[in-house]
Amino acid sequence: MTTTLRPARRFLHICYCCSDFDPVVAFFVEAFGMKNTMTTTVEPSSGAVLGFPGDVTSGAAFVYDARGPRVSPALEVQSWIDPKLVGEPPTDPTAVGIAAIGLAVPDLDATLATLDRLGCSLVGRQSIDDIGEWATVRDARGVMIDVVGGEAPGGHPSRLRHLRINVTDLAKSVPWFEALGFDLVDRQTITEGAFLGVEGPIDAEVVRLRLPDEPFEALLIEWRTPKTPGRHTALPNRAGLFRAALGVDDTVAGYEALKGAGVEFERPPMVVPLVGTPVPDLVICFLNDPDGVPFEFVQRPRSAFR
């Protein structure tokens, strides 16, 4: 896979699946000073892009950090109505797939006090070399959130920082992400995992990856001790964090180049309207990382961002 195949430029949004987006949006607004700037119309639409036969009924609110929608990636808080939301977020912090969304905040103690008041439970906390204070919490719905202190820039109340993903084999995952457009920033071994909710001696390797247009990162963790086999859920309406959208200049060109290089896609690109929003119809296609984590290419020009 050559570097000419690297179509992705930035994270656009991370999908948080729930039964009702209103309380989830209110939580992120109050806890992290985020902004709900765009909400789709809740009405039946084709489920083909997600692999559902017939129509589905759902709605989504796009919640950005204080930098705003032309700079920040978003949480796409999606409520499932038909089909209904199923399952629960993963309870094992080493389970393969998306494990947590990470935010940077200026004052970790103050943020943790707010999170406690809003029904979150502390998983663990630790001071980490080269990073600082890191705490992991579960929100009231069981979704894992990493909170890193002292990093939010420019006086902002928070910044979307990373997506933490557990993988089975970094030797397979890193080249896959690099083919999409990610650059390797750092690689470290960790031997203590209490701050992530893993007790006892551990052996894990962490890789930081970043796209060129925005500092939000993918953190890939290969757990060796404890070793956790498995695969990310394939159900788009499963509760918790499900997929990540990446901005590309040309969805069809990216699809054709990567498909020609052997990358597998779920289905060809499709046009998807975001009804009720000012965003024009989007050309989207889906592909899965080696552990089944779904990513989508969304055609968004660089001129849409600052």
C-alpha atoms as a PDB file:
ATOM      1  CA  MET A   1       0.000   0.000   0.000  1.00  0.00           C
ATOM      2  CA  THR A   2       1.646   3.230  -1.146  1.00  0.00           C
ATOM      3  CA  THR A   3       1.339   6.678   0.376  1.00  0.00           C
ATOM      4  CA  THR A   4      -0.688   7.824  -2.655  1.00  0.00           C
ATOM      5  CA  LEU A   5      -3.586   5.844  -1.225  1.00  0.00           C
ATOM      6  CA  ARG A   6      -3.952   8.039   1.886  1.00  0.00           C
ATOM      7  CA  PRO A   7      -7.294   9.832   1.339  1.00  0.00           C
ATOM      8  CA  ALA A   8      -8.359  10.668   4.928  1.00  0.00           C
ATOM      9  CA  ARG A   9      -7.570  14.152   6.296  1.00  0.00           C
ATOM     10  CA  ARG A  10      -9.389  14.501   9.617  1.00  0.00           C
ATOM     11  CA  PHE A  11     -11.895  12.957  11.994  1.00  0.00           C
ATOM     12  CA  LEU A  12     -15.371  14.366  11.385  1.00  0.00           C
ATOM     13  CA  HIS A  13     -17.382  12.623  14.087  1.00  0.00           C
ATOM     14  CA  ILE A  14     -17.599   9.646  16.428  1.00  0.00           C
ATOM     15  CA  CYS A  15     -20.984   7.917  16.723  1.00  0.00           C
ATOM     16  CA  TYR A  16     -22.501   7.507  20.206  1.00  0.00           C
ATOM     17  CA  CYS A  17     -25.580   5.258  19.946  1.00  0.00           C
ATOM     18  CA  CYS A  18     -28.401   5.695  22.455  1.00  0.00           C
ATOM     19  CA  SER A  19     -32.190   5.520  22.735  1.00  0.00           C
ATOM     20  CA  ASP A  20     -32.688   9.292  23.179  1.00  0.00           C
ATOM     21  CA  PHE A  21     -30.091  11.876  22.200  1.00  0.00           C
ATOM     22  CA  ASP A  22     -31.498  14.731  24.294  1.00  0.00           C
ATOM     23  CA  PRO A  23     -30.112  13.631  27.715  1.00  0.00           C
ATOM     24  CA  VAL A  24     -26.795  12.582  26.189  1.00  0.00           C
ATOM     25  CA  VAL A  25     -26.386  15.952  24.497  1.00  0.00           C
ATOM     26  CA  ALA A  26     -27.320  17.730  27.733  1.00  0.00           C
ATOM     27  CA  PHE A  27     -24.677  15.699  29.579  1.00  0.00           C
ATOM     28  CA  PHE A  28     -21.820  16.644  27.229  1.00  0.00           C
ATOM     29  CA  VAL A  29     -22.921  20.273  27.180  1.00  0.00           C
ATOM     30  CA  GLU A  30     -22.952  20.513  30.985  1.00  0.00           C
ATOM     31  CA  ALA A  31     -19.948  18.305  31.730  1.00  0.00           C
ATOM     32  CA  PHE A  32     -17.562  19.528  29.035  1.00  0.00           C
ATOM     33  CA  GLY A  33     -18.942  22.825  27.732  1.00  0.00           C
ATOM     34  CA  MET A  34     -19.685  21.296  24.315  1.00  0.00           C
ATOM     35  CA  LYS A  35     -22.162  22.721  21.795  1.00  0.00           C
ATOM     36  CA  ASN A  36     -25.058  21.101  19.959  1.00  0.00           C
ATOM     37  CA  THR A  37     -24.921  22.945  16.649  1.00  0.00           C
ATOM     38  CA  MET A  38     -26.763  20.623  14.269  1.00  0.00           C
ATOM     39  CA  THR A  39     -29.613  18.115  14.611  1.00  0.00           C
ATOM     40  CA  THR A  40     -31.104  15.951  11.896  1.00  0.00           C
ATOM     41  CA  THR A  41     -34.831  15.514  11.397  1.00  0.00           C
ATOM     42  CA  VAL A  42     -36.216  12.388  13.100  1.00  0.00           C
ATOM     43  CA  GLU A  43     -38.076  10.595  10.337  1.00  0.00           C
ATOM     44  CA  PRO A  44     -37.858   7.336   8.365  1.00  0.00           C
ATOM     45  CA  SER A  45     -35.003   7.136   5.850  1.00  0.00           C
ATOM     46  CA  SER A  46     -33.232   4.428   3.910  1.00  0.00           C
ATOM     47  CA  GLY A  47     -31.102   2.137   6.062  1.00  0.00           C
ATOM     48  CA  ALA A  48     -29.084   0.921   3.087  1.00  0.00           C
ATOM     49  CA  VAL A  49     -25.949   2.912   3.906  1.00  0.00           C
ATOM     50  CA  LEU A  50     -25.769   1.095   7.282  1.00  0.00           C
ATOM     51  CA  GLY A  51     -26.695  -2.286   5.831  1.00  0.00           C
ATOM     52  CA  PHE A  52     -30.319  -2.336   7.015  1.00  0.00           C
ATOM     53  CA  PRO A  53     -33.008  -3.495   4.560  1.00  0.00           C
ATOM     54  CA  GLY A  54     -35.825  -0.988   4.206  1.00  0.00           C
ATOM     55  CA  ASP A  55     -36.208   2.211   6.207  1.00  0.00           C
ATOM     56  CA  VAL A  56     -34.914   3.048   9.666  1.00  0.00           C
ATOM     57  CA  THR A  57     -36.072   5.787  11.998  1.00  0.00           C
ATOM     58  CA  SER A  58     -33.404   7.598  13.958  1.00  0.00           C
ATOM     59  CA  GLY A  59     -32.128  11.069  14.664  1.00  0.00           C
ATOM     60  CA  ALA A  60     -28.713  12.524  15.350  1.00  0.00           C
ATOM     61  CA  ALA A  61     -27.362  15.567  17.147  1.00  0.00           C
ATOM     62  CA  PHE A  62     -23.828  16.717  16.330  1.00  0.00           C
ATOM     63  CA  VAL A  63     -22.069  17.983  19.448  1.00  0.00           C
ATOM     64  CA  TYR A  64     -18.776  19.892  19.059  1.00  0.00           C
ATOM     65  CA  ASP A  65     -16.244  21.108  21.559  1.00  0.00           C
ATOM     66  CA  ALA A  66     -15.877  24.857  22.140  1.00  0.00           C
ATOM     67  CA  ARG A  67     -13.742  25.319  19.022  1.00  0.00           C
ATOM     68  CA  GLY A  68     -16.865  24.827  16.936  1.00  0.00           C
ATOM     69  CA  PRO A  69     -17.931  22.778  13.909  1.00  0.00           C
ATOM     70  CA  ARG A  70     -15.410  24.254  11.465  1.00  0.00           C
ATOM     71  CA  VAL A  71     -12.497  23.184  13.669  1.00  0.00           C
ATOM     72  CA  SER A  72     -13.535  20.441  16.096  1.00  0.00           C
ATOM     73  CA  PRO A  73     -14.615  16.909  15.289  1.00  0.00           C
ATOM     74  CA  ALA A  74     -18.015  16.015  16.737  1.00  0.00           C
ATOM     75  CA  LEU A  75     -19.860  13.418  18.697  1.00  0.00           C
ATOM     76  CA  GLU A  76     -22.727  12.214  16.529  1.00  0.00           C
ATOM     77  CA  VAL A  77     -25.227  11.318  19.248  1.00  0.00           C
ATOM     78  CA  GLN A  78     -27.651   9.013  17.458  1.00  0.00           C
ATOM     79  CA  SER A  79     -30.965   7.909  18.917  1.00  0.00           C
ATOM     80  CA  TRP A  80     -32.377   4.662  17.602  1.00  0.00           C
ATOM     81  CA  ILE A  81     -36.156   4.413  17.339  1.00  0.00           C
ATOM     82  CA  ASP A  82     -36.805   1.737  14.693  1.00  0.00           C
ATOM     83  CA  PRO A  83     -35.005  -0.594  15.015  1.00  0.00           C
ATOM     84  CA  LYS A  84     -34.622   0.027  18.721  1.00  0.00           C
ATOM     85  CA  LEU A  85     -31.336   0.322  20.543  1.00  0.00           C
ATOM     86  CA  VAL A  86     -29.957  -3.074  21.589  1.00  0.00           C
ATOM     87  CA  GLY A  87     -27.355  -4.345  24.046  1.00  0.00           C
ATOM     88  CA  GLU A  88     -25.090  -2.431  26.413  1.00  0.00           C
ATOM     89  CA  PRO A  89     -21.703  -0.725  26.039  1.00  0.00           C
ATOM     90  CA  PRO A  90     -18.764  -3.096  26.658  1.00  0.00           C
ATOM     91  CA  THR A  91     -17.943  -3.655  30.323  1.00  0.00           C
ATOM     92  CA  ASP A  92     -14.479  -5.172  29.763  1.00  0.00           C
ATOM     93  CA  PRO A  93     -11.956  -2.323  29.268  1.00  0.00           C
ATOM     94  CA  THR A  94      -9.763  -4.643  27.187  1.00  0.00           C
ATOM     95  CA  ALA A  95     -12.574  -5.821  24.869  1.00  0.00           C
ATOM     96  CA  VAL A  96     -11.636  -5.582  21.202  1.00  0.00           C
ATOM     97  CA  GLY A  97     -13.094  -2.544  19.450  1.00  0.00           C
ATOM     98  CA  ILE A  98     -13.816   1.049  20.402  1.00  0.00           C
ATOM     99  CA  ALA A  99     -13.196   1.401  24.137  1.00  0.00           C
ATOM    100  CA  ALA A 100     -13.517   5.117  24.940  1.00  0.00           C
ATOM    101  CA  ILE A 101     -13.779   8.681  23.721  1.00  0.00           C
ATOM    102  CA  GLY A 102     -11.132  10.991  25.167  1.00  0.00           C
ATOM    103  CA  LEU A 103     -11.416  14.676  26.102  1.00  0.00           C
ATOM    104  CA  ALA A 104      -8.797  17.127  27.356  1.00  0.00           C
ATOM    105  CA  VAL A 105      -9.834  19.569  30.082  1.00  0.00           C
ATOM    106  CA  PRO A 106      -7.990  22.407  31.863  1.00  0.00           C
ATOM    107  CA  ASP A 107      -8.938  21.313  35.417  1.00  0.00           C
ATOM    108  CA  LEU A 108      -9.302  17.571  35.962  1.00  0.00           C
ATOM    109  CA  ASP A 109     -10.477  17.796  39.589  1.00  0.00           C
ATOM    110  CA  ALA A 110     -13.263  20.236  38.754  1.00  0.00           C
ATOM    111  CA  THR A 111     -14.361  18.143  35.774  1.00  0.00           C
ATOM    112  CA  LEU A 112     -14.418  14.943  37.829  1.00  0.00           C
ATOM    113  CA  ALA A 113     -16.573  16.653  40.457  1.00  0.00           C
ATOM    114  CA  THR A 114     -19.054  17.625  37.751  1.00  0.00           C
ATOM    115  CA  LEU A 115     -18.997  14.134  36.247  1.00  0.00           C
ATOM    116  CA  ASP A 116     -19.680  12.595  39.659  1.00  0.00           C
ATOM    117  CA  ARG A 117     -22.657  14.914  40.119  1.00  0.00           C
ATOM    118  CA  LEU A 118     -23.965  13.874  36.689  1.00  0.00           C
ATOM    119  CA  GLY A 119     -23.938  10.171  37.544  1.00  0.00           C
ATOM    120  CA  CYS A 120     -20.556   9.062  36.211  1.00  0.00           C
ATOM    121  CA  SER A 121     -18.437   6.477  38.037  1.00  0.00           C
ATOM    122  CA  LEU A 122     -14.649   6.756  38.301  1.00  0.00           C
ATOM    123  CA  VAL A 123     -12.840   3.784  36.761  1.00  0.00           C
ATOM    124  CA  GLY A 124      -9.310   4.894  37.653  1.00  0.00           C
ATOM    125  CA  ARG A 125      -6.871   7.768  37.743  1.00  0.00           C
ATOM    126  CA  GLN A 126      -3.121   8.057  37.250  1.00  0.00           C
ATOM    127  CA  SER A 127      -0.360  10.544  36.511  1.00  0.00           C
ATOM    128  CA  ILE A 128       1.279   9.508  33.240  1.00  0.00           C
ATOM    129  CA  ASP A 129       4.693  10.611  32.020  1.00  0.00           C
ATOM    130  CA  ASP A 130       4.568  13.029  29.052  1.00  0.00           C
ATOM    131  CA  ILE A 131       0.773  13.355  29.410  1.00  0.00           C
ATOM    132  CA  GLY A 132      -0.129  14.371  32.952  1.00  0.00           C
ATOM    133  CA  GLU A 133      -3.231  13.475  34.947  1.00  0.00           C
ATOM    134  CA  TRP A 134      -5.526  10.946  33.256  1.00  0.00           C
ATOM    135  CA  ALA A 135      -8.850   9.685  34.607  1.00  0.00           C
ATOM    136  CA  THR A 136     -11.271   7.202  33.080  1.00  0.00           C
ATOM    137  CA  VAL A 137     -14.979   7.294  33.910  1.00  0.00           C
ATOM    138  CA  ARG A 138     -18.147   5.547  32.833  1.00  0.00           C
ATOM    139  CA  ASP A 139     -21.082   7.802  32.125  1.00  0.00           C
ATOM    140  CA  ALA A 140     -24.604   7.051  33.335  1.00  0.00           C
ATOM    141  CA  ARG A 141     -25.195   4.832  30.268  1.00  0.00           C
ATOM    142  CA  GLY A 142     -21.987   2.840  30.692  1.00  0.00           C
ATOM    143  CA  VAL A 143     -19.944   4.512  27.954  1.00  0.00           C
ATOM    144  CA  MET A 144     -16.262   4.933  28.801  1.00  0.00           C
ATOM    145  CA  ILE A 145     -14.774   8.459  28.720  1.00  0.00           C
ATOM    146  CA  ASP A 146     -11.078   9.298  29.127  1.00  0.00           C
ATOM    147  CA  VAL A 147     -10.475  12.705  30.719  1.00  0.00           C
ATOM    148  CA  VAL A 148      -6.978  14.203  30.476  1.00  0.00           C
ATOM    149  CA  GLY A 149      -6.157  17.240  32.603  1.00  0.00           C
ATOM    150  CA  GLY A 150      -4.269  20.395  31.717  1.00  0.00           C
ATOM    151  CA  GLU A 151      -4.470  20.102  27.914  1.00  0.00           C
ATOM    152  CA  ALA A 152      -7.488  22.111  26.709  1.00  0.00           C
ATOM    153  CA  PRO A 153      -6.006  25.065  24.776  1.00  0.00           C
ATOM    154  CA  GLY A 154      -7.017  28.699  24.539  1.00  0.00           C
ATOM    155  CA  GLY A 155      -9.150  28.781  27.687  1.00  0.00           C
ATOM    156  CA  HIS A 156     -11.675  26.311  26.212  1.00  0.00           C
ATOM    157  CA  PRO A 157     -13.588  24.110  28.685  1.00  0.00           C
ATOM    158  CA  SER A 158     -12.600  20.951  26.796  1.00  0.00           C
ATOM    159  CA  ARG A 159     -11.191  19.563  23.571  1.00  0.00           C
ATOM    160  CA  LEU A 160     -12.045  16.265  21.916  1.00  0.00           C
ATOM    161  CA  ARG A 161      -8.691  14.512  22.202  1.00  0.00           C
ATOM    162  CA  HIS A 162      -8.704  10.869  21.102  1.00  0.00           C
ATOM    163  CA  LEU A 163     -10.584   7.691  20.270  1.00  0.00           C
ATOM    164  CA  ARG A 164      -9.248   4.668  22.193  1.00  0.00           C
ATOM    165  CA  ILE A 165      -9.484   1.390  20.280  1.00  0.00           C
ATOM    166  CA  ASN A 166      -8.416  -2.079  21.460  1.00  0.00           C
ATOM    167  CA  VAL A 167      -6.901  -4.208  18.702  1.00  0.00           C
ATOM    168  CA  THR A 168      -5.732  -7.807  18.490  1.00  0.00           C
ATOM    169  CA  ASP A 169      -2.603  -7.232  16.400  1.00  0.00           C
ATOM    170  CA  LEU A 170      -0.847  -3.888  15.890  1.00  0.00           C
ATOM    171  CA  ALA A 171       1.211  -5.415  13.105  1.00  0.00           C
ATOM    172  CA  LYS A 172      -2.000  -5.642  11.073  1.00  0.00           C
ATOM    173  CA  SER A 173      -3.798  -2.563  12.385  1.00  0.00           C
ATOM    174  CA  VAL A 174      -1.077   0.071  11.984  1.00  0.00           C
ATOM    175  CA  PRO A 175      -0.544  -0.509   8.215  1.00  0.00           C
ATOM    176  CA  TRP A 176      -4.315  -0.457   7.703  1.00  0.00           C
ATOM    177  CA  PHE A 177      -4.631   2.932   9.401  1.00  0.00           C
ATOM    178  CA  GLU A 178      -1.578   4.257   7.576  1.00  0.00           C
ATOM    179  CA  ALA A 179      -3.160   3.307   4.242  1.00  0.00           C
ATOM    180  CA  LEU A 180      -6.149   5.480   5.147  1.00  0.00           C
ATOM    181  CA  GLY A 181      -3.907   8.487   5.846  1.00  0.00           C
ATOM    182  CA  PHE A 182      -2.835   8.210   9.495  1.00  0.00           C
ATOM    183  CA  ASP A 183       0.714   8.969  10.624  1.00  0.00           C
ATOM    184  CA  LEU A 184       2.342   7.179  13.538  1.00  0.00           C
ATOM    185  CA  VAL A 185       3.066   9.696  16.314  1.00  0.00           C
ATOM    186  CA  ASP A 186       4.358   7.496  19.139  1.00  0.00           C
ATOM    187  CA  ARG A 187       4.594   3.911  20.369  1.00  0.00           C
ATOM    188  CA  GLN A 188       4.878   2.913  24.048  1.00  0.00           C
ATOM    189  CA  THR A 189       4.569  -0.101  26.311  1.00  0.00           C
ATOM    190  CA  ILE A 190       2.371   0.182  29.414  1.00  0.00           C
ATOM    191  CA  THR A 191       2.681  -2.048  32.470  1.00  0.00           C
ATOM    192  CA  GLU A 192       0.039  -0.445  34.707  1.00  0.00           C
ATOM    193  CA  GLY A 193      -3.587  -0.307  33.666  1.00  0.00           C
ATOM    194  CA  ALA A 194      -5.582   0.613  36.759  1.00  0.00           C
ATOM    195  CA  PHE A 195      -6.366   4.030  35.279  1.00  0.00           C
ATOM    196  CA  LEU A 196      -8.090   2.204  32.402  1.00  0.00           C
ATOM    197  CA  GLY A 197      -9.893  -0.229  34.704  1.00  0.00           C
ATOM    198  CA  VAL A 198      -7.454  -3.142  34.333  1.00  0.00           C
ATOM    199  CA  GLU A 199      -6.055  -4.452  37.616  1.00  0.00           C
ATOM    200  CA  GLY A 200      -2.879  -6.433  38.210  1.00  0.00           C
ATOM    201  CA  PRO A 201       0.256  -6.771  36.082  1.00  0.00           C
ATOM    202  CA  ILE A 202      -0.336  -5.985  32.441  1.00  0.00           C
ATOM    203  CA  ASP A 203       1.618  -5.970  29.215  1.00  0.00           C
ATOM    204  CA  ALA A 204       0.165  -3.785  26.481  1.00  0.00           C
ATOM    205  CA  GLU A 205       1.482  -1.687  23.609  1.00  0.00           C
ATOM    206  CA  VAL A 206      -0.058   1.666  22.709  1.00  0.00           C
ATOM    207  CA  VAL A 207       0.275   3.375  19.339  1.00  0.00           C
ATOM    208  CA  ARG A 208      -0.780   6.983  18.734  1.00  0.00           C
ATOM    209  CA  LEU A 209      -1.968   7.836  15.205  1.00  0.00           C
ATOM    210  CA  ARG A 210      -2.991  11.180  13.766  1.00  0.00           C
ATOM    211  CA  LEU A 211      -4.476  12.528  10.534  1.00  0.00           C
ATOM    212  CA  PRO A 212      -2.887  15.614   8.911  1.00  0.00           C
ATOM    213  CA  ASP A 213      -5.572  18.278   9.390  1.00  0.00           C
ATOM    214  CA  GLU A 214      -6.513  18.051  13.103  1.00  0.00           C
ATOM    215  CA  PRO A 215      -4.789  16.897  16.334  1.00  0.00           C
ATOM    216  CA  PHE A 216      -7.509  14.410  17.390  1.00  0.00           C
ATOM    217  CA  GLU A 217      -5.829  11.001  17.614  1.00  0.00           C
ATOM    218  CA  ALA A 218      -6.569   7.303  17.375  1.00  0.00           C
ATOM    219  CA  LEU A 219      -5.010   5.411  20.304  1.00  0.00           C
ATOM    220  CA  LEU A 220      -4.603   1.733  19.440  1.00  0.00           C
ATOM    221  CA  ILE A 221      -3.904  -0.682  22.294  1.00  0.00           C
ATOM    222  CA  GLU A 222      -2.830  -4.281  21.808  1.00  0.00           C
ATOM    223  CA  TRP A 223      -3.387  -6.145  25.083  1.00  0.00           C
ATOM    224  CA  ARG A 224      -0.948  -9.010  25.547  1.00  0.00           C
ATOM    225  CA  THR A 225      -1.537  -9.632  29.270  1.00  0.00           C
ATOM    226  CA  PRO A 226      -4.460  -9.958  29.705  1.00  0.00           C
ATOM    227  CA  LYS A 227      -5.026 -11.138  26.146  1.00  0.00           C
ATOM    228  CA  THR A 228      -8.508 -10.395  24.873  1.00  0.00           C
ATOM    229  CA  PRO A 229      -9.740 -11.947  21.648  1.00  0.00           C
ATOM    230  CA  GLY A 230     -12.956 -10.824  20.038  1.00  0.00           C
ATOM    231  CA  ARG A 231     -14.324  -8.405  17.475  1.00  0.00           C
ATOM    232  CA  HIS A 232     -16.077  -5.039  17.515  1.00  0.00           C
ATOM    233  CA  THR A 233     -19.872  -5.186  17.287  1.00  0.00           C
ATOM    234  CA  ALA A 234     -21.334  -5.184  13.783  1.00  0.00           C
ATOM    235  CA  LEU A 235     -24.717  -3.854  14.950  1.00  0.00           C
ATOM    236  CA  PRO A 236     -25.143  -0.146  14.069  1.00  0.00           C
ATOM    237  CA  ASN A 237     -27.865   0.134  16.752  1.00  0.00           C
ATOM    238  CA  ARG A 238     -25.780  -1.383  19.578  1.00  0.00           C
ATOM    239  CA  ALA A 239     -25.537   0.903  22.624  1.00  0.00           C
ATOM    240  CA  GLY A 240     -22.283   2.790  23.015  1.00  0.00           C
ATOM    241  CA  LEU A 241     -19.555   4.039  20.712  1.00  0.00           C
ATOM    242  CA  PHE A 242     -19.917   2.493  17.267  1.00  0.00           C
ATOM    243  CA  ARG A 243     -18.077   4.117  14.337  1.00  0.00           C
ATOM    244  CA  ALA A 244     -15.887   7.023  13.266  1.00  0.00           C
ATOM    245  CA  ALA A 245     -16.278   9.276  10.214  1.00  0.00           C
ATOM    246  CA  LEU A 246     -13.227  10.553   8.347  1.00  0.00           C
ATOM    247  CA  GLY A 247     -13.195  13.501   5.954  1.00  0.00           C
ATOM    248  CA  VAL A 248     -11.880  12.883   2.435  1.00  0.00           C
ATOM    249  CA  ASP A 249     -11.656  15.083  -0.649  1.00  0.00           C
ATOM    250  CA  ASP A 250     -13.283  12.525  -2.949  1.00  0.00           C
ATOM    251  CA  THR A 251     -15.086   9.499  -1.514  1.00  0.00           C
ATOM    252  CA  VAL A 252     -15.316   7.629  -4.822  1.00  0.00           C
ATOM    253  CA  ALA A 253     -11.621   8.141  -5.632  1.00  0.00           C
ATOM    254  CA  GLY A 254     -10.576   7.031  -2.131  1.00  0.00           C
ATOM    255  CA  TYR A 255     -12.834   4.002  -2.372  1.00  0.00           C
ATOM    256  CA  GLU A 256     -11.479   2.967  -5.762  1.00  0.00           C
ATOM    257  CA  ALA A 257      -7.823   3.456  -4.817  1.00  0.00           C
ATOM    258  CA  LEU A 258      -8.031   1.524  -1.560  1.00  0.00           C
ATOM    259  CA  LYS A 259     -10.262  -1.184  -3.001  1.00  0.00           C
ATOM    260  CA  GLY A 260      -7.745  -1.647  -5.797  1.00  0.00           C
ATOM    261  CA  ALA A 261      -5.045  -2.091  -3.156  1.00  0.00           C
ATOM    262  CA  GLY A 262      -7.000  -4.839  -1.425  1.00  0.00           C
ATOM    263  CA  VAL A 263      -8.836  -2.909   1.295  1.00  0.00           C
ATOM    264  CA  GLU A 264     -12.330  -4.312   1.804  1.00  0.00           C
ATOM    265  CA  PHE A 265     -15.417  -2.071   1.928  1.00  0.00           C
ATOM    266  CA  GLU A 266     -18.892  -2.973   3.139  1.00  0.00           C
ATOM    267  CA  ARG A 267     -20.553  -1.543   0.031  1.00  0.00           C
ATOM    268  CA  PRO A 268     -19.874   1.054  -2.707  1.00  0.00           C
ATOM    269  CA  PRO A 269     -20.245   4.809  -2.015  1.00  0.00           C
ATOM    270  CA  MET A 270     -23.769   6.140  -1.576  1.00  0.00           C
ATOM    271  CA  VAL A 271     -25.346   9.605  -1.448  1.00  0.00           C
ATOM    272  CA  VAL A 272     -26.858  10.364   1.972  1.00  0.00           C
ATOM    273  CA  PRO A 273     -28.915  13.498   2.776  1.00  0.00           C
ATOM    274  CA  LEU A 274     -28.726  15.043   6.254  1.00  0.00           C
ATOM    275  CA  VAL A 275     -32.358  16.129   6.399  1.00  0.00           C
ATOM    276  CA  GLY A 276     -33.001  19.237   8.467  1.00  0.00           C
ATOM    277  CA  THR A 277     -29.387  20.453   8.433  1.00  0.00           C
ATOM    278  CA  PRO A 278     -27.524  23.000   6.271  1.00  0.00           C
ATOM    279  CA  VAL A 279     -24.999  20.356   5.205  1.00  0.00           C
ATOM    280  CA  PRO A 280     -25.329  19.295   1.555  1.00  0.00           C
ATOM    281  CA  ASP A 281     -25.919  15.677   0.545  1.00  0.00           C
ATOM    282  CA  LEU A 282     -22.886  13.585   1.483  1.00  0.00           C
ATOM    283  CA  VAL A 283     -21.125  10.860  -0.491  1.00  0.00           C
ATOM    284  CA  ILE A 284     -20.325   8.130   2.066  1.00  0.00           C
ATOM    285  CA  CYS A 285     -18.875   4.647   2.130  1.00  0.00           C
ATOM    286  CA  PHE A 286     -17.993   2.261   4.962  1.00  0.00           C
ATOM    287  CA  LEU A 287     -15.022   0.029   5.675  1.00  0.00           C
ATOM    288  CA  ASN A 288     -13.888  -1.932   8.734  1.00  0.00           C
ATOM    289  CA  ASP A 289     -10.499  -2.072  10.411  1.00  0.00           C
ATOM    290  CA  PRO A 290      -8.934  -5.548  10.941  1.00  0.00           C
ATOM    291  CA  ASP A 291     -10.981  -5.971  14.143  1.00  0.00           C
ATOM    292  CA  GLY A 292     -14.303  -4.886  12.658  1.00  0.00           C
ATOM    293  CA  VAL A 293     -14.377  -1.269  13.863  1.00  0.00           C
ATOM    294  CA  PRO A 294     -16.421   0.612  11.240  1.00  0.00           C
ATOM    295  CA  PHE A 295     -15.070   3.779   9.662  1.00  0.00           C
ATOM    296  CA  GLU A 296     -16.805   5.880   7.063  1.00  0.00           C
ATOM    297  CA  PHE A 297     -15.408   8.128   4.369  1.00  0.00           C
ATOM    298  CA  VAL A 298     -17.387  11.365   4.085  1.00  0.00           C
ATOM    299  CA  GLN A 299     -16.722  13.743   1.212  1.00  0.00           C
ATOM    300  CA  ARG A 300     -16.131  17.189   2.794  1.00  0.00           C
ATOM    301  CA  PRO A 301     -13.919  19.819   1.157  1.00  0.00           C
ATOM    302  CA  ARG A 302     -11.072  21.424   3.097  1.00  0.00           C
ATOM    303  CA  SER A 303     -12.786  24.773   2.486  1.00  0.00           C
ATOM    304  CA  ALA A 304     -15.474  23.707   5.001  1.00  0.00           C
ATOM    305  CA  PHE A 305     -12.916  23.935   7.827  1.00  0.00           C
ATOM    306  CA  ARG A 306     -10.734  26.624   9.378  1.00  0.00           C
END
